Amino acid sequence: MDDWQDEWMKTLETVANDIGQFFQDVGKGMEETVDALIELTDEMAEEVERAVSPGLNQLDRQIDEWIDPILFALSGLGSSIDQAVEPMAHTVEPMLNQHPVCVGCRHYHGQSYNGVMFVCAMHPYGMMDDADTCPDKEAITWSLPAARFFDELDDRNSSN
């Protein structure tokens, strides 16, 4: 009786070894296939790059030729507008001897239009000379210039 059990165990071991060998062979075959596929993909990518790259470089140069004059014109536009508008709207800071009550007020406009100073909407010509205070004065909140720029940008966006 022991013979058939030993034979049965040997047969099972052989089957297990054969199955293990089968999976090892399949794994090696898959590894070789994947390596070949990766190599083929790399070669195809290089071919596509060689074929497309000159055209993309030419397109990039053409776009630069079109955009550079536009950017150059736009860069000079801001300073040209500022120079053209300055005689009509010239901003000045409130001076202690002209508008002492207005110093530090957030409502101060202080632009000169054709030689006429517009101080603020509440008091277009400023407070009377004998006034020591302004009932509409609100203090300026001081911040760094960059922070002030972003605050103004937020105010414009929230008003839209």
Protein backbone atom coordinates (compact mmCIF):
# COMPACT_ATOMS: atom_id res chain seq x y z
CA MET A 1 0.00 0.00 0.00
CA ASP A 2 2.79 2.30 0.62
CA ASP A 3 3.95 2.08 -2.97
CA TRP A 4 0.93 3.71 -4.48
CA GLN A 5 1.12 6.58 -1.95
CA ASP A 6 4.78 7.16 -2.74
CA GLU A 7 4.00 7.05 -6.45
CA TRP A 8 1.14 9.47 -5.94
CA MET A 9 3.41 11.94 -4.05
CA LYS A 10 6.12 11.70 -6.74
CA THR A 11 3.51 12.35 -9.43
CA LEU A 12 2.20 15.40 -7.55
CA GLU A 13 5.77 16.72 -7.09
CA THR A 14 6.44 16.26 -10.80
CA VAL A 15 3.22 18.06 -11.72
CA ALA A 16 4.07 20.91 -9.31
CA ASN A 17 7.60 21.22 -10.71
CA ASP A 18 6.27 21.17 -14.28
CA ILE A 19 3.71 23.87 -13.47
CA GLY A 20 6.43 25.98 -11.79
CA GLN A 21 8.68 25.56 -14.81
CA PHE A 22 5.79 26.50 -17.12
CA PHE A 23 5.19 29.77 -15.22
CA GLN A 24 8.92 30.56 -15.23
CA ASP A 25 9.04 30.04 -18.99
CA VAL A 26 5.94 32.19 -19.49
CA GLY A 27 7.46 34.91 -17.26
CA LYS A 28 10.70 34.90 -19.27
CA GLY A 29 8.73 35.07 -22.50
CA MET A 30 6.66 38.00 -21.20
CA GLU A 31 9.82 39.77 -20.03
CA GLU A 32 11.38 39.41 -23.47
CA THR A 33 8.17 40.61 -25.12
CA VAL A 34 7.93 43.66 -22.85
CA ASP A 35 11.61 44.52 -23.45
CA ALA A 36 11.06 44.28 -27.21
CA LEU A 37 7.93 46.45 -26.95
CA ILE A 38 9.80 49.10 -24.92
CA GLU A 39 12.63 49.13 -27.45
CA LEU A 40 10.16 49.46 -30.33
CA THR A 41 8.34 52.29 -28.54
CA ASP A 42 11.63 54.14 -27.95
CA GLU A 43 12.57 53.78 -31.60
CA MET A 44 9.15 55.03 -32.73
CA ALA A 45 9.38 58.03 -30.37
CA GLU A 46 12.78 58.92 -31.79
CA GLU A 47 11.46 58.63 -35.35
CA VAL A 48 8.46 60.84 -34.57
CA GLU A 49 10.72 63.39 -32.91
CA ARG A 50 13.07 63.43 -35.89
CA ALA A 51 10.15 63.85 -38.29
CA VAL A 52 8.17 66.47 -36.33
CA SER A 53 10.91 68.47 -34.59
CA PRO A 54 12.06 70.53 -37.61
CA GLY A 55 8.49 71.54 -38.38
CA LEU A 56 7.81 72.54 -34.77
CA ASN A 57 11.04 74.55 -34.64
CA GLN A 58 10.05 76.38 -37.82
CA LEU A 59 6.58 77.04 -36.42
CA ASP A 60 8.10 78.36 -33.18
CA ARG A 61 10.35 80.75 -35.11
CA GLN A 62 7.41 81.92 -37.24
CA ILE A 63 5.27 82.60 -34.16
CA ASP A 64 8.16 84.54 -32.59
CA GLU A 65 8.44 86.64 -35.77
CA TRP A 66 4.72 87.44 -35.59
CA ILE A 67 4.54 88.11 -31.85
CA ASP A 68 7.77 90.04 -31.23
CA PRO A 69 6.63 93.22 -33.07
CA ILE A 70 3.29 93.10 -31.24
CA LEU A 71 4.97 92.76 -27.84
CA PHE A 72 7.39 95.55 -28.69
CA ALA A 73 4.53 97.83 -29.69
CA LEU A 74 2.56 96.99 -26.55
CA SER A 75 5.53 97.62 -24.28
CA GLY A 76 5.86 101.16 -25.58
CA LEU A 77 2.12 101.80 -25.56
CA GLY A 78 1.83 102.19 -21.78
CA SER A 79 4.47 104.87 -21.51
CA SER A 80 3.07 106.67 -24.57
CA ILE A 81 -0.40 106.78 -23.01
CA ASP A 82 1.03 108.07 -19.72
CA GLN A 83 2.93 110.82 -21.55
CA ALA A 84 -0.14 111.80 -23.60
CA VAL A 85 -2.50 111.92 -20.62
CA GLU A 86 -0.18 113.62 -18.13
CA PRO A 87 -0.96 117.23 -19.14
CA MET A 88 -4.70 116.60 -18.72
CA ALA A 89 -4.66 114.54 -15.51
CA HIS A 90 -1.68 115.24 -13.29
CA THR A 91 -1.81 113.66 -9.83
CA VAL A 92 -0.20 115.52 -6.97
CA GLU A 93 0.07 114.68 -3.31
CA PRO A 94 -1.73 117.03 -0.91
CA MET A 95 0.73 119.59 0.33
CA LEU A 96 0.69 120.85 3.87
CA ASN A 97 0.44 124.47 2.75
CA GLN A 98 -2.28 123.89 0.07
CA HIS A 99 -4.57 121.22 1.55
CA PRO A 100 -3.32 120.35 5.04
CA VAL A 101 -6.63 118.77 6.07
CA CYS A 102 -6.44 116.37 3.11
CA VAL A 103 -3.06 114.84 4.04
CA GLY A 104 -3.58 111.12 4.69
CA CYS A 105 -7.22 111.02 3.48
CA ARG A 106 -8.21 108.07 1.34
CA HIS A 107 -10.72 110.21 -0.60
CA TYR A 108 -8.08 112.62 -1.85
CA HIS A 109 -8.17 112.68 -5.65
CA GLY A 110 -5.68 115.45 -6.35
CA GLN A 111 -5.68 115.56 -10.11
CA SER A 112 -5.43 118.69 -12.15
CA TYR A 113 -7.71 118.89 -15.18
CA ASN A 114 -6.74 121.65 -17.60
CA GLY A 115 -5.14 123.56 -14.76
CA VAL A 116 -8.08 123.22 -12.34
CA MET A 117 -7.37 121.14 -9.24
CA PHE A 118 -10.02 118.57 -8.28
CA VAL A 119 -9.38 117.74 -4.62
CA CYS A 120 -12.12 115.17 -3.87
CA ALA A 121 -15.76 114.43 -4.69
CA MET A 122 -17.00 115.74 -1.33
CA HIS A 123 -15.00 118.94 -1.52
CA PRO A 124 -13.97 119.56 -5.15
CA TYR A 125 -11.97 122.68 -4.33
CA GLY A 126 -10.77 121.48 -0.93
CA MET A 127 -11.80 122.55 2.56
CA MET A 128 -12.06 126.21 3.42
CA ASP A 129 -8.77 127.76 4.44
CA ASP A 130 -9.86 128.18 8.05
CA ALA A 131 -11.06 124.54 8.45
CA ASP A 132 -8.93 122.37 10.71
CA THR A 133 -10.81 119.12 10.10
CA CYS A 134 -12.91 117.45 7.45
CA PRO A 135 -16.05 115.55 8.46
CA ASP A 136 -15.58 113.15 5.49
CA LYS A 137 -11.91 112.32 6.12
CA GLU A 138 -10.96 108.64 6.27
CA ALA A 139 -7.38 107.65 6.93
CA ILE A 140 -5.38 105.84 4.27
CA THR A 141 -4.48 102.26 5.10
CA TRP A 142 -0.79 102.10 4.30
CA SER A 143 0.62 99.02 2.68
CA LEU A 144 3.50 98.01 0.47
CA PRO A 145 3.13 99.10 -3.19
CA ALA A 146 2.67 95.52 -4.38
CA ALA A 147 -0.01 94.88 -1.75
CA ARG A 148 -1.74 98.13 -2.71
CA PHE A 149 -1.72 97.05 -6.38
CA PHE A 150 -3.39 93.73 -5.52
CA ASP A 151 -5.92 95.46 -3.24
CA GLU A 152 -6.89 97.81 -6.07
CA LEU A 153 -7.10 94.85 -8.45
CA ASP A 154 -9.42 93.03 -6.00
CA ASP A 155 -11.58 96.17 -5.70
CA ARG A 156 -11.93 96.40 -9.48
CA ASN A 157 -12.77 92.70 -9.82
CA SER A 158 -15.35 92.82 -7.03
CA SER A 159 -17.07 95.84 -8.59
CA ASN A 160 -17.54 93.95 -11.88
